[in-house]
N, C-alpha and C. Protein backbone atom coordinates (compact mmCIF):
# COMPACT_ATOMS: atom_id res chain seq x y z
N UNK A 1 -25.71 -57.23 27.01
CA UNK A 1 -24.68 -56.14 28.08
C UNK A 1 -23.58 -57.42 28.30
N UNK A 2 -22.24 -56.91 28.09
CA UNK A 2 -21.09 -57.74 28.43
C UNK A 2 -20.90 -57.66 29.87
N UNK A 3 -20.54 -58.88 30.23
CA UNK A 3 -20.55 -58.82 31.95
C UNK A 3 -19.32 -57.92 32.20
N UNK A 4 -18.35 -57.51 31.81
CA UNK A 4 -17.27 -56.49 31.90
C UNK A 4 -17.62 -55.11 32.36
N UNK A 5 -18.89 -54.76 31.73
CA UNK A 5 -19.61 -53.38 31.84
C UNK A 5 -20.30 -53.57 32.96
N UNK A 6 -20.90 -54.87 33.59
CA UNK A 6 -21.43 -54.09 34.42
C UNK A 6 -20.99 -53.72 35.90
N UNK A 7 -19.68 -54.03 36.01
CA UNK A 7 -18.90 -53.61 37.06
C UNK A 7 -17.64 -52.68 36.58
N UNK A 8 -17.88 -52.04 35.99
CA UNK A 8 -16.82 -50.87 35.62
C UNK A 8 -16.50 -49.80 36.51
N UNK A 9 -15.04 -49.81 36.51
CA UNK A 9 -14.51 -49.15 37.17
C UNK A 9 -13.55 -47.93 36.33
N UNK A 10 -13.44 -47.03 36.39
CA UNK A 10 -12.38 -46.02 35.78
C UNK A 10 -11.03 -46.29 36.02
N UNK A 11 -10.14 -46.24 35.06
CA UNK A 11 -8.84 -46.21 35.50
C UNK A 11 -8.32 -44.79 36.00
N UNK A 12 -6.96 -44.68 36.38
CA UNK A 12 -6.49 -43.29 36.73
C UNK A 12 -6.43 -42.60 35.73
N UNK A 13 -6.04 -43.20 34.49
CA UNK A 13 -6.03 -41.99 33.36
C UNK A 13 -7.38 -41.33 33.15
N UNK A 14 -8.40 -42.38 33.08
CA UNK A 14 -9.96 -41.59 33.09
C UNK A 14 -10.03 -40.77 33.95
N UNK A 15 -9.60 -40.73 35.43
CA UNK A 15 -10.05 -39.89 36.48
C UNK A 15 -9.25 -38.59 36.12
N UNK A 16 -8.02 -38.80 35.63
CA UNK A 16 -7.14 -37.91 35.34
C UNK A 16 -7.64 -36.87 34.41
N UNK A 17 -7.92 -37.19 33.42
CA UNK A 17 -8.95 -36.62 32.35
C UNK A 17 -9.88 -35.94 32.76
N UNK A 18 -10.50 -36.45 33.74
CA UNK A 18 -12.04 -35.95 33.94
C UNK A 18 -11.68 -34.75 34.98
N UNK A 19 -10.86 -34.79 35.59
CA UNK A 19 -10.26 -33.58 36.71
C UNK A 19 -9.44 -32.73 35.65
N UNK A 20 -8.45 -33.23 34.91
CA UNK A 20 -7.81 -32.13 34.03
C UNK A 20 -9.35 -31.20 33.26
N UNK A 21 -10.00 -31.98 32.77
CA UNK A 21 -11.22 -30.97 32.16
C UNK A 21 -11.68 -30.28 33.18
N UNK A 22 -12.21 -30.74 34.14
CA UNK A 22 -12.79 -29.66 34.97
C UNK A 22 -11.83 -28.63 35.69
N UNK A 23 -10.30 -28.88 35.84
CA UNK A 23 -9.57 -27.77 35.94
C UNK A 23 -9.30 -26.79 34.91
N UNK A 24 -9.29 -27.27 33.43
CA UNK A 24 -9.02 -26.31 32.67
C UNK A 24 -10.36 -25.58 32.38
N UNK A 25 -11.75 -25.89 32.54
CA UNK A 25 -12.84 -25.18 32.69
C UNK A 25 -12.60 -24.20 33.77
N UNK A 26 -12.36 -24.61 34.73
CA UNK A 26 -12.14 -23.47 36.05
C UNK A 26 -11.02 -22.45 35.51
N UNK A 27 -10.17 -22.95 34.98
CA UNK A 27 -8.83 -21.58 34.70
C UNK A 27 -9.59 -20.90 33.72
N UNK A 28 -10.31 -21.47 32.62
CA UNK A 28 -10.46 -20.53 31.64
C UNK A 28 -11.90 -19.71 32.01
N UNK A 29 -12.60 -20.11 33.18
CA UNK A 29 -13.83 -19.38 33.46
C UNK A 29 -12.94 -18.22 34.26
N UNK A 30 -12.38 -18.39 35.33
CA UNK A 30 -11.58 -17.44 36.16
C UNK A 30 -10.82 -16.34 35.23
N UNK A 31 -10.01 -16.82 34.26
CA UNK A 31 -9.51 -15.89 33.24
C UNK A 31 -10.48 -14.76 32.49
N UNK A 32 -11.50 -15.33 31.83
CA UNK A 32 -12.71 -14.87 31.23
C UNK A 32 -13.43 -13.71 32.47
N UNK A 33 -13.59 -14.28 33.84
CA UNK A 33 -13.76 -13.35 34.42
C UNK A 33 -13.30 -12.13 34.99
N UNK A 34 -11.87 -12.38 35.04
CA UNK A 34 -10.83 -11.57 35.33
C UNK A 34 -10.67 -10.25 34.17
N UNK A 35 -10.64 -10.88 32.78
CA UNK A 35 -10.58 -9.94 31.88
C UNK A 35 -11.79 -9.40 31.18
N UNK A 36 -12.78 -9.77 31.11
CA UNK A 36 -13.94 -9.59 30.72
C UNK A 36 -14.84 -8.70 31.62
N UNK A 37 -15.06 -7.67 31.31
CA UNK A 37 -15.82 -6.81 32.49
C UNK A 37 -17.27 -7.48 32.29
N UNK A 38 -17.52 -7.69 34.01
CA UNK A 38 -18.72 -8.31 34.11
C UNK A 38 -19.87 -7.12 34.65
N UNK A 39 -20.81 -6.75 33.84
CA UNK A 39 -21.64 -5.46 34.05
C UNK A 39 -23.05 -6.35 34.58
N UNK A 40 -23.46 -5.63 35.71
CA UNK A 40 -24.74 -6.09 36.08
C UNK A 40 -25.93 -5.25 35.54
N UNK A 41 -27.04 -5.83 34.96
CA UNK A 41 -27.87 -5.27 34.24
C UNK A 41 -28.47 -4.32 35.26
N UNK A 42 -28.64 -4.57 36.56
CA UNK A 42 -29.76 -3.91 37.46
C UNK A 42 -28.75 -2.48 37.58
N UNK A 43 -27.49 -2.39 37.45
CA UNK A 43 -26.91 -1.24 37.68
C UNK A 43 -27.19 -0.46 36.52
N UNK A 44 -26.92 -1.19 35.47
CA UNK A 44 -27.21 0.12 34.01
C UNK A 44 -28.57 0.31 33.95
N UNK A 45 -29.82 -0.45 34.40
CA UNK A 45 -30.99 0.34 34.50
C UNK A 45 -31.22 1.31 35.36
N UNK A 46 -30.45 1.20 36.98
CA UNK A 46 -30.41 2.11 37.73
C UNK A 46 -29.80 3.41 37.28
N UNK A 47 -28.83 3.35 36.83
CA UNK A 47 -27.84 4.55 35.91
C UNK A 47 -28.89 5.51 34.99
N UNK A 48 -29.57 4.39 34.31
CA UNK A 48 -30.11 5.05 33.08
C UNK A 48 -31.82 5.64 33.82
N UNK A 49 -32.06 5.45 35.00
CA UNK A 49 -33.10 5.85 35.56
C UNK A 49 -32.66 7.43 36.05
N UNK A 50 -31.31 7.21 36.86
CA UNK A 50 -30.83 8.49 37.32
C UNK A 50 -30.97 9.23 36.61
N UNK A 51 -30.15 8.99 35.35
CA UNK A 51 -29.64 10.02 34.00
C UNK A 51 -31.19 10.26 33.74
N UNK A 52 -32.31 9.77 33.40
CA UNK A 52 -33.41 10.40 33.15
C UNK A 52 -33.94 11.51 34.17
N UNK A 53 -34.03 11.16 35.49
CA UNK A 53 -34.29 12.04 36.30
C UNK A 53 -33.49 13.48 36.48
N UNK A 54 -32.03 13.11 36.22
CA UNK A 54 -31.40 14.73 36.08
C UNK A 54 -31.72 15.31 34.93
N UNK A 55 -32.16 14.65 33.72
CA UNK A 55 -32.46 15.40 32.75
C UNK A 55 -33.77 16.05 32.64
N UNK A 56 -34.62 15.48 33.42
CA UNK A 56 -36.09 16.50 33.85
C UNK A 56 -35.97 17.54 34.45
N UNK A 57 -34.93 17.67 35.45
CA UNK A 57 -34.58 18.54 36.62
C UNK A 57 -34.18 19.80 35.97
């Protein structure tokens, strides 16, 4: 190992790129959650059970 790698500190450019990557992920994640409907599986299962109960009656 080289001595300059032992006490490595990131530059401001590397920190900026890291934070920009995190911000981009959060932005895209929030956009996907907003525009793609999130359907809970438990709600679908309960709806199917209720539908089957109504058919039997």
